Amino acid sequence: MCMEFKNRELADRPLFPVGVNALVVRDGKLLLGKRRAKYHDGEWGIPGGHLEEGESMLNCVARELEEETGLTATGFKFVITDNDPRQDKFHYIHFAFLAEGVTGEPMLMEPEKCYEWRWFPLDALPEPLFVGHKKFIHGFIAGELFLD
């Protein structure tokens, strides 16, 4: 990441990517996409992406959900934050929101990034789950609000 800082004191601080993610649950099943990517190809993850500079988290989660699945929601409810200092790539900060009022079926909007979308029972999730989502998906199911 390359940024110009007006306040030079901030230039020496670490930067963390912020992931904003949508948990879409219907009839006890979670929507997961099989990743088509250089990074963890074939792992199952939820819709989501990076927060863009100046973007609100709610706009980000709505944008990512629609861009990836074609689905829209009437609202989003915050459910979990995950401080994720992974050793394999980046130290991420993740925020996940439960999508409310979602109707219709997901479409493969970005076939270059995803093989398919599929519904899985919350008590029978597929393996492998995407390393960046696994911890907070299980935290969400357990009712946790914060993971560190």
Protein backbone atom coordinates (compact mmCIF):
# COMPACT_ATOMS: atom_id res chain seq x y z
CA MET A 1 0.00 0.00 0.00
CA CYS A 2 1.29 3.41 -0.87
CA MET A 3 -0.28 6.41 0.87
CA GLU A 4 0.72 9.98 1.37
CA PHE A 5 0.24 11.16 4.91
CA LYS A 6 -0.45 14.77 5.76
CA ASN A 7 0.62 13.97 9.31
CA ARG A 8 4.10 12.41 9.09
CA GLU A 9 3.66 10.81 12.54
CA LEU A 10 1.15 8.41 11.00
CA ALA A 11 3.57 7.33 8.26
CA ASP A 12 5.45 5.10 10.71
CA ARG A 13 2.35 3.26 11.94
CA PRO A 14 1.41 -0.15 10.53
CA LEU A 15 -1.45 -0.40 8.05
CA PHE A 16 -3.99 -3.21 8.31
CA PRO A 17 -6.34 -4.25 5.53
CA VAL A 18 -9.97 -4.15 6.66
CA GLY A 19 -12.23 -6.94 5.44
CA VAL A 20 -16.00 -6.39 5.46
CA ASN A 21 -18.07 -9.54 5.06
CA ALA A 22 -21.71 -10.60 4.65
CA LEU A 23 -23.12 -13.64 6.42
CA VAL A 24 -26.20 -14.73 4.48
CA VAL A 25 -28.22 -17.30 6.41
CA ARG A 26 -31.43 -18.85 5.15
CA ASP A 27 -33.30 -21.77 6.73
CA GLY A 28 -30.31 -22.60 8.93
CA LYS A 29 -27.92 -22.62 5.97
CA LEU A 30 -24.96 -20.32 5.27
CA LEU A 31 -24.15 -19.10 1.77
CA LEU A 32 -20.57 -19.93 0.79
CA GLY A 33 -18.62 -19.44 -2.41
CA LYS A 34 -15.81 -21.67 -3.62
CA ARG A 35 -12.86 -19.34 -4.23
CA ARG A 36 -11.18 -19.16 -7.62
CA ALA A 37 -8.02 -17.31 -6.73
CA LYS A 38 -4.24 -17.47 -6.54
CA TYR A 39 -4.68 -17.15 -2.79
CA HIS A 40 -6.36 -20.26 -1.30
CA ASP A 41 -8.05 -21.47 -4.47
CA GLY A 42 -10.82 -24.00 -3.81
CA GLU A 43 -11.53 -22.88 -0.24
CA TRP A 44 -15.08 -21.90 0.76
CA GLY A 45 -15.76 -18.33 1.94
CA ILE A 46 -18.51 -15.80 2.42
CA PRO A 47 -19.17 -12.72 0.28
CA GLY A 48 -16.96 -9.83 1.24
CA GLY A 49 -14.00 -7.71 0.39
CA HIS A 50 -11.85 -4.77 1.30
CA LEU A 51 -13.13 -1.54 2.75
CA GLU A 52 -12.26 1.28 0.36
CA GLU A 53 -10.96 4.62 1.56
CA GLY A 54 -13.85 6.93 2.48
CA GLU A 55 -16.44 4.12 2.27
CA SER A 56 -18.80 3.24 5.12
CA MET A 57 -18.79 -0.37 6.27
CA LEU A 58 -22.49 -0.77 5.53
CA ASN A 59 -22.04 0.52 1.98
CA CYS A 60 -19.05 -1.80 1.58
CA VAL A 61 -20.88 -4.94 2.73
CA ALA A 62 -23.90 -4.12 0.53
CA ARG A 63 -21.62 -3.45 -2.46
CA GLU A 64 -19.61 -6.66 -2.00
CA LEU A 65 -22.73 -8.80 -1.55
CA GLU A 66 -24.29 -7.48 -4.74
CA GLU A 67 -21.05 -7.51 -6.78
CA GLU A 68 -20.29 -11.12 -5.88
CA THR A 69 -23.75 -12.73 -5.70
CA GLY A 70 -26.27 -10.34 -7.27
CA LEU A 71 -28.16 -10.41 -3.95
CA THR A 72 -29.36 -7.35 -2.07
CA ALA A 73 -30.41 -7.05 1.55
CA THR A 74 -32.89 -4.76 3.28
CA GLY A 75 -30.38 -4.28 6.09
CA PHE A 76 -27.27 -5.51 7.82
CA LYS A 77 -26.71 -6.29 11.50
CA PHE A 78 -23.20 -6.24 12.96
CA VAL A 79 -22.33 -9.67 14.37
CA ILE A 80 -18.57 -10.09 14.89
CA THR A 81 -15.11 -8.50 14.67
CA ASP A 82 -11.96 -10.54 14.20
CA ASN A 83 -8.41 -9.34 14.79
CA ASP A 84 -6.65 -11.77 12.45
CA PRO A 85 -2.82 -11.57 12.60
CA ARG A 86 -2.27 -14.42 10.13
CA GLN A 87 1.25 -15.48 9.34
CA ASP A 88 0.48 -16.50 5.74
CA LYS A 89 -0.16 -13.09 4.18
CA PHE A 90 -1.44 -10.02 6.04
CA HIS A 91 -2.66 -8.97 9.45
CA TYR A 92 -6.36 -8.34 8.78
CA ILE A 93 -9.13 -6.72 10.78
CA HIS A 94 -12.45 -8.32 9.76
CA PHE A 95 -15.98 -7.09 10.38
CA ALA A 96 -18.92 -9.36 9.59
CA PHE A 97 -22.56 -8.40 9.21
CA LEU A 98 -25.63 -10.59 9.04
CA ALA A 99 -27.56 -9.75 5.86
CA GLU A 100 -31.26 -9.29 6.57
CA GLY A 101 -34.18 -9.46 4.18
CA VAL A 102 -32.31 -11.29 1.40
CA THR A 103 -34.50 -12.94 -1.22
CA GLY A 104 -33.73 -14.74 -4.46
CA GLU A 105 -30.86 -17.07 -5.27
CA PRO A 106 -27.21 -16.13 -5.62
CA MET A 107 -25.75 -15.76 -9.10
CA LEU A 108 -22.14 -16.22 -10.14
CA MET A 109 -21.36 -12.54 -10.81
CA GLU A 110 -17.56 -12.83 -10.75
CA PRO A 111 -16.69 -16.20 -12.34
CA GLU A 112 -13.03 -15.21 -12.40
CA LYS A 113 -13.10 -15.07 -8.56
CA CYS A 114 -15.57 -17.81 -7.62
CA TYR A 115 -16.44 -21.27 -8.96
CA GLU A 116 -19.91 -21.46 -7.40
CA TRP A 117 -22.20 -20.35 -4.59
CA ARG A 118 -23.87 -22.98 -2.42
CA TRP A 119 -25.93 -23.19 0.79
CA PHE A 120 -24.52 -25.29 3.68
CA PRO A 121 -26.15 -26.20 7.01
CA LEU A 122 -24.50 -24.25 9.86
CA ASP A 123 -23.73 -27.54 11.58
CA ALA A 124 -22.20 -29.14 8.46
CA LEU A 125 -19.90 -26.59 6.82
CA PRO A 126 -17.58 -27.77 4.05
CA GLU A 127 -13.82 -28.05 4.25
CA PRO A 128 -11.64 -26.36 3.60
CA LEU A 129 -13.06 -23.05 4.77
CA PHE A 130 -11.11 -20.00 3.58
CA VAL A 131 -8.40 -19.28 6.13
CA GLY A 132 -9.44 -15.62 6.34
CA HIS A 133 -13.06 -16.45 7.20
CA LYS A 134 -12.88 -19.71 9.14
CA LYS A 135 -12.29 -18.24 12.60
CA PHE A 136 -15.08 -15.66 12.48
CA ILE A 137 -17.61 -17.99 10.79
CA HIS A 138 -17.19 -20.37 13.74
CA GLY A 139 -17.25 -17.39 16.14
CA PHE A 140 -20.53 -16.20 14.62
CA ILE A 141 -22.08 -19.66 15.01
CA ALA A 142 -20.91 -19.72 18.65
CA GLY A 143 -22.45 -16.27 19.30
CA GLU A 144 -19.18 -14.46 19.93
CA LEU A 145 -18.82 -10.74 19.17
CA PHE A 146 -15.05 -10.33 19.17
CA LEU A 147 -12.13 -12.61 18.35
CA ASP A 148 -8.50 -11.74 19.01
